[in-house]
Amino acid sequence: MKEELALWEKLSAYQDCGIVYRFGDEIYAVDAKVVCDFIKTDEEGNFLYDEWGNLCTDEEKVYAFVDRLADEYDTVGKARQFHATRGEIVTVEGGIYGNKIDRKAEKEYLLEAFLDKRREEHEPVYEQMALKQGKDDIGDTYIEVDMTEQMMYFYENGEQKIATPVVTGNTGLRRGTPQGTNYVYSKERNRVLRGPGYASPVKYWMPVKGGVGIHDSSWRSRYGGTIYKTDGSHGCINTPLDEVVKLYDMVEIGTPCVMFY
């Protein structure tokens, strides 16, 4: 009975963890049901103790937990369920926007913090950060490019600020604009966009993924409809000048850009 009581006391002390991860508005407690899996055991499943009789911690189990946590909260490249302005829930796969936890840093942190019996709220270190953390990292300020409807929208704090027809990549020539959740990573004025066989001067340039971006297109007089199927761009989002001026003035670097068909 005394041995059982002593073991229960050791387990209770071991599992008394006060570390809480914060991901934006979401929290994840590293509580007893998590840390009970950190205990080191032998091949037969028996607990292992150090020279002072304390339960040993299996570092690899701690690291495996961090990997699972990162798998759950990393969002770069993940498929997202997005409520499109056209009224549908669309699946948007891929893209460069999102959060990516620095797993190496977090493994070092959690092992040390757990062994030190710290009681604290902790925001993870990120290799890449979105504008918002947590599983819903798009939030309510974003650009939406609906390639099927050939429409672009800008929402700020949930309010629609821009709704404009656009022309995206020429699908007939297999230059369709790639879908994905990307982001505005630069804002530039008076650029010449160059590629094989073309050099296009633009007044406003907001790249969102590699060489794909949003810009004005003085050579166009019509937008929307099915133009993109036969006379589309090389992949960029061609936008009327008056609308791209509005977007350029309002959008911040880092703003997500959700692009889909």
C-alpha atoms as a PDB file:
ATOM      1  CA  MET A   1       0.000   0.000   0.000  1.00  0.00           C
ATOM      2  CA  LYS A   2       2.828   2.376   0.891  1.00  0.00           C
ATOM      3  CA  GLU A   3       4.541   1.651  -2.427  1.00  0.00           C
ATOM      4  CA  GLU A   4       1.318   2.336  -4.339  1.00  0.00           C
ATOM      5  CA  LEU A   5       0.793   5.602  -2.449  1.00  0.00           C
ATOM      6  CA  ALA A   6       4.397   6.639  -3.095  1.00  0.00           C
ATOM      7  CA  LEU A   7       3.996   5.908  -6.821  1.00  0.00           C
ATOM      8  CA  TRP A   8       0.739   7.853  -6.946  1.00  0.00           C
ATOM      9  CA  GLU A   9       2.449  10.838  -5.313  1.00  0.00           C
ATOM     10  CA  LYS A  10       5.335  10.651  -7.791  1.00  0.00           C
ATOM     11  CA  LEU A  11       2.921  10.472 -10.724  1.00  0.00           C
ATOM     12  CA  SER A  12       0.860  13.372  -9.401  1.00  0.00           C
ATOM     13  CA  ALA A  13       3.965  15.511  -8.959  1.00  0.00           C
ATOM     14  CA  TYR A  14       5.295  14.523 -12.378  1.00  0.00           C
ATOM     15  CA  GLN A  15       2.044  15.331 -14.163  1.00  0.00           C
ATOM     16  CA  ASP A  16       1.575  18.701 -12.449  1.00  0.00           C
ATOM     17  CA  CYS A  17       2.447  20.827 -15.468  1.00  0.00           C
ATOM     18  CA  GLY A  18       1.516  24.508 -15.829  1.00  0.00           C
ATOM     19  CA  ILE A  19       2.665  25.198 -19.386  1.00  0.00           C
ATOM     20  CA  VAL A  20       0.014  26.591 -21.731  1.00  0.00           C
ATOM     21  CA  TYR A  21       0.679  27.208 -25.422  1.00  0.00           C
ATOM     22  CA  ARG A  22      -1.051  30.194 -27.021  1.00  0.00           C
ATOM     23  CA  PHE A  23      -1.908  30.269 -30.712  1.00  0.00           C
ATOM     24  CA  GLY A  24      -3.637  33.600 -31.281  1.00  0.00           C
ATOM     25  CA  ASP A  25      -7.033  33.320 -29.586  1.00  0.00           C
ATOM     26  CA  GLU A  26      -6.572  29.600 -28.989  1.00  0.00           C
ATOM     27  CA  ILE A  27      -4.800  27.912 -26.092  1.00  0.00           C
ATOM     28  CA  TYR A  28      -3.425  24.394 -25.698  1.00  0.00           C
ATOM     29  CA  ALA A  29      -2.669  23.206 -22.181  1.00  0.00           C
ATOM     30  CA  VAL A  30       0.221  20.802 -21.692  1.00  0.00           C
ATOM     31  CA  ASP A  31      -1.685  19.070 -18.922  1.00  0.00           C
ATOM     32  CA  ALA A  32      -1.592  15.713 -17.142  1.00  0.00           C
ATOM     33  CA  LYS A  33      -3.107  13.768 -20.021  1.00  0.00           C
ATOM     34  CA  VAL A  34      -0.289  15.076 -22.245  1.00  0.00           C
ATOM     35  CA  VAL A  35       2.708  14.747 -19.954  1.00  0.00           C
ATOM     36  CA  CYS A  36       1.766  11.272 -18.715  1.00  0.00           C
ATOM     37  CA  ASP A  37       3.073  10.107 -22.087  1.00  0.00           C
ATOM     38  CA  PHE A  38       6.468  11.732 -21.414  1.00  0.00           C
ATOM     39  CA  ILE A  39       7.452   9.144 -18.780  1.00  0.00           C
ATOM     40  CA  LYS A  40      10.329   6.933 -19.817  1.00  0.00           C
ATOM     41  CA  THR A  41       9.667   3.181 -19.700  1.00  0.00           C
ATOM     42  CA  ASP A  42      11.587   0.034 -20.370  1.00  0.00           C
ATOM     43  CA  GLU A  43      10.736  -2.500 -23.077  1.00  0.00           C
ATOM     44  CA  GLU A  44       8.131  -4.097 -20.824  1.00  0.00           C
ATOM     45  CA  GLY A  45       6.413  -0.799 -20.092  1.00  0.00           C
ATOM     46  CA  ASN A  46       7.766  -0.346 -16.570  1.00  0.00           C
ATOM     47  CA  PHE A  47       8.553   3.168 -15.374  1.00  0.00           C
ATOM     48  CA  LEU A  48      12.218   4.117 -15.206  1.00  0.00           C
ATOM     49  CA  TYR A  49      13.661   6.149 -12.326  1.00  0.00           C
ATOM     50  CA  ASP A  50      16.792   8.224 -11.874  1.00  0.00           C
ATOM     51  CA  GLU A  51      19.318   7.723  -9.085  1.00  0.00           C
ATOM     52  CA  TRP A  52      17.181   9.815  -6.727  1.00  0.00           C
ATOM     53  CA  GLY A  53      14.057   7.773  -7.360  1.00  0.00           C
ATOM     54  CA  ASN A  54      12.346  10.321  -9.608  1.00  0.00           C
ATOM     55  CA  LEU A  55      10.482   9.344 -12.754  1.00  0.00           C
ATOM     56  CA  CYS A  56      12.598   9.774 -15.872  1.00  0.00           C
ATOM     57  CA  THR A  57      11.474  11.814 -18.886  1.00  0.00           C
ATOM     58  CA  ASP A  58      11.815  10.385 -22.387  1.00  0.00           C
ATOM     59  CA  GLU A  59      13.123  13.241 -24.541  1.00  0.00           C
ATOM     60  CA  GLU A  60      11.942  11.564 -27.741  1.00  0.00           C
ATOM     61  CA  LYS A  61       8.378  11.478 -26.433  1.00  0.00           C
ATOM     62  CA  VAL A  62       8.521  15.194 -25.670  1.00  0.00           C
ATOM     63  CA  TYR A  63       9.848  15.856 -29.155  1.00  0.00           C
ATOM     64  CA  ALA A  64       7.117  13.684 -30.697  1.00  0.00           C
ATOM     65  CA  PHE A  65       4.485  15.754 -28.889  1.00  0.00           C
ATOM     66  CA  VAL A  66       5.951  18.978 -30.323  1.00  0.00           C
ATOM     67  CA  ASP A  67       5.819  17.438 -33.801  1.00  0.00           C
ATOM     68  CA  ARG A  68       2.140  16.550 -33.309  1.00  0.00           C
ATOM     69  CA  LEU A  69       1.404  20.052 -32.036  1.00  0.00           C
ATOM     70  CA  ALA A  70       3.133  21.603 -35.035  1.00  0.00           C
ATOM     71  CA  ASP A  71       1.291  19.261 -37.400  1.00  0.00           C
ATOM     72  CA  GLU A  72      -1.962  20.523 -35.882  1.00  0.00           C
ATOM     73  CA  TYR A  73      -1.166  24.255 -35.915  1.00  0.00           C
ATOM     74  CA  ASP A  74       1.132  24.675 -38.931  1.00  0.00           C
ATOM     75  CA  THR A  75      -0.939  26.110 -41.786  1.00  0.00           C
ATOM     76  CA  VAL A  76       1.506  26.746 -44.658  1.00  0.00           C
ATOM     77  CA  GLY A  77       0.382  24.792 -47.693  1.00  0.00           C
ATOM     78  CA  LYS A  78      -2.571  23.170 -45.949  1.00  0.00           C
ATOM     79  CA  ALA A  79      -5.981  22.814 -47.572  1.00  0.00           C
ATOM     80  CA  ARG A  80      -8.451  25.348 -46.203  1.00  0.00           C
ATOM     81  CA  GLN A  81     -12.229  25.457 -46.252  1.00  0.00           C
ATOM     82  CA  PHE A  82     -13.041  28.989 -47.397  1.00  0.00           C
ATOM     83  CA  HIS A  83     -16.435  30.700 -47.521  1.00  0.00           C
ATOM     84  CA  ALA A  84     -16.355  32.367 -50.942  1.00  0.00           C
ATOM     85  CA  THR A  85     -18.284  35.528 -51.720  1.00  0.00           C
ATOM     86  CA  ARG A  86     -20.229  33.580 -54.340  1.00  0.00           C
ATOM     87  CA  GLY A  87     -21.838  31.675 -51.463  1.00  0.00           C
ATOM     88  CA  GLU A  88     -20.011  28.361 -51.606  1.00  0.00           C
ATOM     89  CA  ILE A  89     -17.553  26.693 -49.286  1.00  0.00           C
ATOM     90  CA  VAL A  90     -14.527  26.005 -51.481  1.00  0.00           C
ATOM     91  CA  THR A  91     -11.440  23.939 -50.732  1.00  0.00           C
ATOM     92  CA  VAL A  92      -8.295  25.966 -51.344  1.00  0.00           C
ATOM     93  CA  GLU A  93      -5.144  23.883 -51.477  1.00  0.00           C
ATOM     94  CA  GLY A  94      -1.517  24.970 -51.370  1.00  0.00           C
ATOM     95  CA  GLY A  95      -0.017  28.429 -51.240  1.00  0.00           C
ATOM     96  CA  ILE A  96       2.750  30.163 -49.307  1.00  0.00           C
ATOM     97  CA  TYR A  97       0.737  31.941 -46.594  1.00  0.00           C
ATOM     98  CA  GLY A  98       0.501  30.640 -43.063  1.00  0.00           C
ATOM     99  CA  ASN A  99       2.246  29.810 -39.809  1.00  0.00           C
ATOM    100  CA  LYS A 100       5.120  27.383 -39.473  1.00  0.00           C
ATOM    101  CA  ILE A 101       6.419  26.523 -36.013  1.00  0.00           C
ATOM    102  CA  ASP A 102      10.157  26.285 -35.401  1.00  0.00           C
ATOM    103  CA  ARG A 103      10.123  22.690 -34.230  1.00  0.00           C
ATOM    104  CA  LYS A 104      13.764  22.573 -33.137  1.00  0.00           C
ATOM    105  CA  ALA A 105      13.373  25.658 -30.931  1.00  0.00           C
ATOM    106  CA  GLU A 106      10.114  24.392 -29.439  1.00  0.00           C
ATOM    107  CA  LYS A 107      11.530  20.963 -28.637  1.00  0.00           C
ATOM    108  CA  GLU A 108      14.360  22.606 -26.732  1.00  0.00           C
ATOM    109  CA  TYR A 109      11.959  24.970 -24.980  1.00  0.00           C
ATOM    110  CA  LEU A 110       9.387  22.415 -23.901  1.00  0.00           C
ATOM    111  CA  LEU A 111      11.884  19.890 -22.580  1.00  0.00           C
ATOM    112  CA  GLU A 112      13.652  22.544 -20.515  1.00  0.00           C
ATOM    113  CA  ALA A 113      10.440  24.243 -19.310  1.00  0.00           C
ATOM    114  CA  PHE A 114       8.860  20.924 -18.326  1.00  0.00           C
ATOM    115  CA  LEU A 115      11.909  19.715 -16.404  1.00  0.00           C
ATOM    116  CA  ASP A 116      12.134  23.113 -14.661  1.00  0.00           C
ATOM    117  CA  LYS A 117       8.438  22.819 -13.687  1.00  0.00           C
ATOM    118  CA  ARG A 118       7.656  26.249 -15.103  1.00  0.00           C
ATOM    119  CA  ARG A 119       4.110  27.563 -14.935  1.00  0.00           C
ATOM    120  CA  GLU A 120       3.656  29.968 -17.821  1.00  0.00           C
ATOM    121  CA  GLU A 121       1.804  30.849 -20.984  1.00  0.00           C
ATOM    122  CA  HIS A 122       4.029  30.449 -24.010  1.00  0.00           C
ATOM    123  CA  GLU A 123       3.783  31.606 -27.622  1.00  0.00           C
ATOM    124  CA  PRO A 124       5.821  29.345 -29.883  1.00  0.00           C
ATOM    125  CA  VAL A 125       8.739  30.461 -31.987  1.00  0.00           C
ATOM    126  CA  TYR A 126       7.847  30.490 -35.687  1.00  0.00           C
ATOM    127  CA  GLU A 127       9.920  29.960 -38.799  1.00  0.00           C
ATOM    128  CA  GLN A 128       7.159  31.804 -40.657  1.00  0.00           C
ATOM    129  CA  MET A 129       4.290  33.847 -39.240  1.00  0.00           C
ATOM    130  CA  ALA A 130       0.958  34.746 -40.768  1.00  0.00           C
ATOM    131  CA  LEU A 131      -0.934  37.904 -39.797  1.00  0.00           C
ATOM    132  CA  LYS A 132      -2.902  35.734 -37.368  1.00  0.00           C
ATOM    133  CA  GLN A 133      -1.949  32.684 -35.388  1.00  0.00           C
ATOM    134  CA  GLY A 134      -4.153  29.670 -34.723  1.00  0.00           C
ATOM    135  CA  LYS A 135      -6.015  27.387 -37.078  1.00  0.00           C
ATOM    136  CA  ASP A 136      -8.006  30.260 -38.612  1.00  0.00           C
ATOM    137  CA  ASP A 137      -5.071  32.358 -39.745  1.00  0.00           C
ATOM    138  CA  ILE A 138      -6.858  34.231 -42.540  1.00  0.00           C
ATOM    139  CA  GLY A 139      -9.048  36.295 -40.252  1.00  0.00           C
ATOM    140  CA  ASP A 140     -11.416  38.924 -41.605  1.00  0.00           C
ATOM    141  CA  THR A 141      -8.979  41.095 -43.605  1.00  0.00           C
ATOM    142  CA  TYR A 142      -7.973  39.466 -46.876  1.00  0.00           C
ATOM    143  CA  ILE A 143      -8.009  39.550 -50.679  1.00  0.00           C
ATOM    144  CA  GLU A 144     -10.180  37.000 -52.468  1.00  0.00           C
ATOM    145  CA  VAL A 145      -9.570  36.120 -56.121  1.00  0.00           C
ATOM    146  CA  ASP A 146     -12.310  33.961 -57.608  1.00  0.00           C
ATOM    147  CA  MET A 147     -10.878  32.745 -60.905  1.00  0.00           C
ATOM    148  CA  THR A 148     -14.101  31.034 -61.974  1.00  0.00           C
ATOM    149  CA  GLU A 149     -16.172  34.186 -61.534  1.00  0.00           C
ATOM    150  CA  GLN A 150     -13.220  36.416 -62.570  1.00  0.00           C
ATOM    151  CA  MET A 151     -13.832  38.641 -59.569  1.00  0.00           C
ATOM    152  CA  MET A 152     -11.522  40.053 -56.935  1.00  0.00           C
ATOM    153  CA  TYR A 153     -12.666  41.260 -53.519  1.00  0.00           C
ATOM    154  CA  PHE A 154     -10.969  42.959 -50.619  1.00  0.00           C
ATOM    155  CA  TYR A 155     -12.392  42.617 -47.126  1.00  0.00           C
ATOM    156  CA  GLU A 156     -11.181  44.751 -44.251  1.00  0.00           C
ATOM    157  CA  ASN A 157     -12.314  43.762 -40.758  1.00  0.00           C
ATOM    158  CA  GLY A 158     -15.087  41.742 -42.370  1.00  0.00           C
ATOM    159  CA  GLU A 159     -16.399  44.615 -44.511  1.00  0.00           C
ATOM    160  CA  GLN A 160     -16.234  44.388 -48.292  1.00  0.00           C
ATOM    161  CA  LYS A 161     -14.219  47.352 -49.565  1.00  0.00           C
ATOM    162  CA  ILE A 162     -13.574  46.297 -53.163  1.00  0.00           C
ATOM    163  CA  ALA A 163     -15.457  44.121 -55.648  1.00  0.00           C
ATOM    164  CA  THR A 164     -14.076  44.262 -59.162  1.00  0.00           C
ATOM    165  CA  PRO A 165     -13.920  42.118 -62.300  1.00  0.00           C
ATOM    166  CA  VAL A 166     -10.399  41.007 -63.232  1.00  0.00           C
ATOM    167  CA  VAL A 167      -8.608  38.954 -65.860  1.00  0.00           C
ATOM    168  CA  THR A 168      -6.428  36.098 -64.619  1.00  0.00           C
ATOM    169  CA  GLY A 169      -4.072  33.650 -66.356  1.00  0.00           C
ATOM    170  CA  ASN A 170      -4.819  32.323 -69.816  1.00  0.00           C
ATOM    171  CA  THR A 171      -6.122  28.809 -69.248  1.00  0.00           C
ATOM    172  CA  GLY A 172      -6.249  28.128 -72.991  1.00  0.00           C
ATOM    173  CA  LEU A 173      -2.466  28.417 -73.089  1.00  0.00           C
ATOM    174  CA  ARG A 174      -2.037  26.587 -69.758  1.00  0.00           C
ATOM    175  CA  ARG A 175      -1.055  29.782 -67.994  1.00  0.00           C
ATOM    176  CA  GLY A 176      -3.875  29.671 -65.490  1.00  0.00           C
ATOM    177  CA  THR A 177      -3.313  31.577 -62.259  1.00  0.00           C
ATOM    178  CA  PRO A 178      -2.384  29.024 -59.568  1.00  0.00           C
ATOM    179  CA  GLN A 179      -4.806  28.520 -56.730  1.00  0.00           C
ATOM    180  CA  GLY A 180      -3.674  28.695 -53.138  1.00  0.00           C
ATOM    181  CA  THR A 181      -3.644  30.834 -50.026  1.00  0.00           C
ATOM    182  CA  ASN A 182      -0.857  33.333 -50.611  1.00  0.00           C
ATOM    183  CA  TYR A 183      -0.082  36.832 -49.370  1.00  0.00           C
ATOM    184  CA  VAL A 184       1.015  40.295 -50.486  1.00  0.00           C
ATOM    185  CA  TYR A 185       4.748  40.280 -49.843  1.00  0.00           C
ATOM    186  CA  SER A 186       5.649  43.582 -51.504  1.00  0.00           C
ATOM    187  CA  LYS A 187       4.111  46.800 -52.830  1.00  0.00           C
ATOM    188  CA  GLU A 188       5.889  48.567 -55.667  1.00  0.00           C
ATOM    189  CA  ARG A 189       5.241  51.446 -58.071  1.00  0.00           C
ATOM    190  CA  ASN A 190       6.130  51.867 -61.737  1.00  0.00           C
ATOM    191  CA  ARG A 191       7.580  48.471 -62.544  1.00  0.00           C
ATOM    192  CA  VAL A 192       8.239  46.760 -65.846  1.00  0.00           C
ATOM    193  CA  LEU A 193       7.165  43.137 -65.592  1.00  0.00           C
ATOM    194  CA  ARG A 194       9.289  40.943 -67.815  1.00  0.00           C
ATOM    195  CA  GLY A 195       9.030  37.391 -69.020  1.00  0.00           C
ATOM    196  CA  PRO A 196       9.587  35.310 -72.164  1.00  0.00           C
ATOM    197  CA  GLY A 197       8.392  37.491 -75.022  1.00  0.00           C
ATOM    198  CA  TYR A 198       6.932  40.372 -73.036  1.00  0.00           C
ATOM    199  CA  ALA A 199       7.793  43.509 -71.056  1.00  0.00           C
ATOM    200  CA  SER A 200       4.733  45.127 -69.488  1.00  0.00           C
ATOM    201  CA  PRO A 201       4.955  48.499 -67.710  1.00  0.00           C
ATOM    202  CA  VAL A 202       2.597  48.789 -64.735  1.00  0.00           C
ATOM    203  CA  LYS A 203       1.947  51.574 -62.253  1.00  0.00           C
ATOM    204  CA  TYR A 204       1.014  49.359 -59.303  1.00  0.00           C
ATOM    205  CA  TRP A 205       2.499  45.958 -58.476  1.00  0.00           C
ATOM    206  CA  MET A 206       1.601  43.683 -55.553  1.00  0.00           C
ATOM    207  CA  PRO A 207       3.212  40.226 -55.886  1.00  0.00           C
ATOM    208  CA  VAL A 208       1.510  37.400 -53.993  1.00  0.00           C
ATOM    209  CA  LYS A 209       3.434  34.282 -55.051  1.00  0.00           C
ATOM    210  CA  GLY A 210       6.699  34.265 -56.985  1.00  0.00           C
ATOM    211  CA  GLY A 211       6.131  36.192 -60.200  1.00  0.00           C
ATOM    212  CA  VAL A 212       2.338  36.157 -59.825  1.00  0.00           C
ATOM    213  CA  GLY A 213       0.781  39.342 -58.554  1.00  0.00           C
ATOM    214  CA  ILE A 214      -1.954  41.952 -58.772  1.00  0.00           C
ATOM    215  CA  HIS A 215      -1.399  44.919 -61.083  1.00  0.00           C
ATOM    216  CA  ASP A 216      -3.030  47.389 -63.429  1.00  0.00           C
ATOM    217  CA  SER A 217      -3.147  46.605 -67.141  1.00  0.00           C
ATOM    218  CA  SER A 218      -3.387  49.689 -69.363  1.00  0.00           C
ATOM    219  CA  TRP A 219      -3.599  47.473 -72.451  1.00  0.00           C
ATOM    220  CA  ARG A 220      -7.027  46.164 -71.410  1.00  0.00           C
ATOM    221  CA  SER A 221     -10.400  47.871 -71.695  1.00  0.00           C
ATOM    222  CA  ARG A 222     -12.560  44.917 -70.606  1.00  0.00           C
ATOM    223  CA  TYR A 223     -12.447  42.664 -67.565  1.00  0.00           C
ATOM    224  CA  GLY A 224     -14.354  39.697 -66.244  1.00  0.00           C
ATOM    225  CA  GLY A 225     -16.400  37.103 -68.088  1.00  0.00           C
ATOM    226  CA  THR A 226     -14.503  34.456 -70.019  1.00  0.00           C
ATOM    227  CA  ILE A 227     -11.680  36.644 -71.362  1.00  0.00           C
ATOM    228  CA  TYR A 228      -9.157  34.664 -69.312  1.00  0.00           C
ATOM    229  CA  LYS A 229      -9.841  31.468 -71.268  1.00  0.00           C
ATOM    230  CA  THR A 230      -8.439  32.817 -74.544  1.00  0.00           C
ATOM    231  CA  ASP A 231      -6.897  36.240 -73.834  1.00  0.00           C
ATOM    232  CA  GLY A 232      -5.821  35.923 -70.232  1.00  0.00           C
ATOM    233  CA  SER A 233      -2.603  37.053 -68.607  1.00  0.00           C
ATOM    234  CA  HIS A 234       0.651  35.162 -68.162  1.00  0.00           C
ATOM    235  CA  GLY A 235      -0.622  34.274 -64.684  1.00  0.00           C
ATOM    236  CA  CYS A 236      -1.072  37.604 -62.933  1.00  0.00           C
ATOM    237  CA  ILE A 237      -4.318  39.213 -61.823  1.00  0.00           C
ATOM    238  CA  ASN A 238      -4.979  42.065 -64.276  1.00  0.00           C
ATOM    239  CA  THR A 239      -7.064  44.693 -62.507  1.00  0.00           C
ATOM    240  CA  PRO A 240      -8.718  47.971 -63.591  1.00  0.00           C
ATOM    241  CA  LEU A 241      -6.530  50.940 -62.674  1.00  0.00           C
ATOM    242  CA  ASP A 242      -9.038  52.717 -60.423  1.00  0.00           C
ATOM    243  CA  GLU A 243      -9.582  49.530 -58.406  1.00  0.00           C
ATOM    244  CA  VAL A 244      -5.905  48.617 -58.091  1.00  0.00           C
ATOM    245  CA  VAL A 245      -5.201  52.146 -56.812  1.00  0.00           C
ATOM    246  CA  LYS A 246      -7.769  51.610 -54.033  1.00  0.00           C
ATOM    247  CA  LEU A 247      -6.307  48.228 -53.147  1.00  0.00           C
ATOM    248  CA  TYR A 248      -2.732  49.511 -53.136  1.00  0.00           C
ATOM    249  CA  ASP A 249      -3.670  52.275 -50.704  1.00  0.00           C
ATOM    250  CA  MET A 250      -5.572  49.980 -48.320  1.00  0.00           C
ATOM    251  CA  VAL A 251      -3.761  46.656 -48.300  1.00  0.00           C
ATOM    252  CA  GLU A 252      -0.845  45.943 -45.965  1.00  0.00           C
ATOM    253  CA  ILE A 253       2.144  43.741 -46.669  1.00  0.00           C
ATOM    254  CA  GLY A 254       1.380  40.308 -45.241  1.00  0.00           C
ATOM    255  CA  THR A 255      -2.333  40.411 -46.100  1.00  0.00           C
ATOM    256  CA  PRO A 256      -3.558  36.950 -47.178  1.00  0.00           C
ATOM    257  CA  CYS A 257      -4.696  36.489 -50.754  1.00  0.00           C
ATOM    258  CA  VAL A 258      -7.040  33.515 -51.242  1.00  0.00           C
ATOM    259  CA  MET A 259      -7.057  32.354 -54.868  1.00  0.00           C
ATOM    260  CA  PHE A 260      -9.305  29.602 -56.215  1.00  0.00           C
ATOM    261  CA  TYR A 261     -11.467  28.365 -59.101  1.00  0.00           C
END
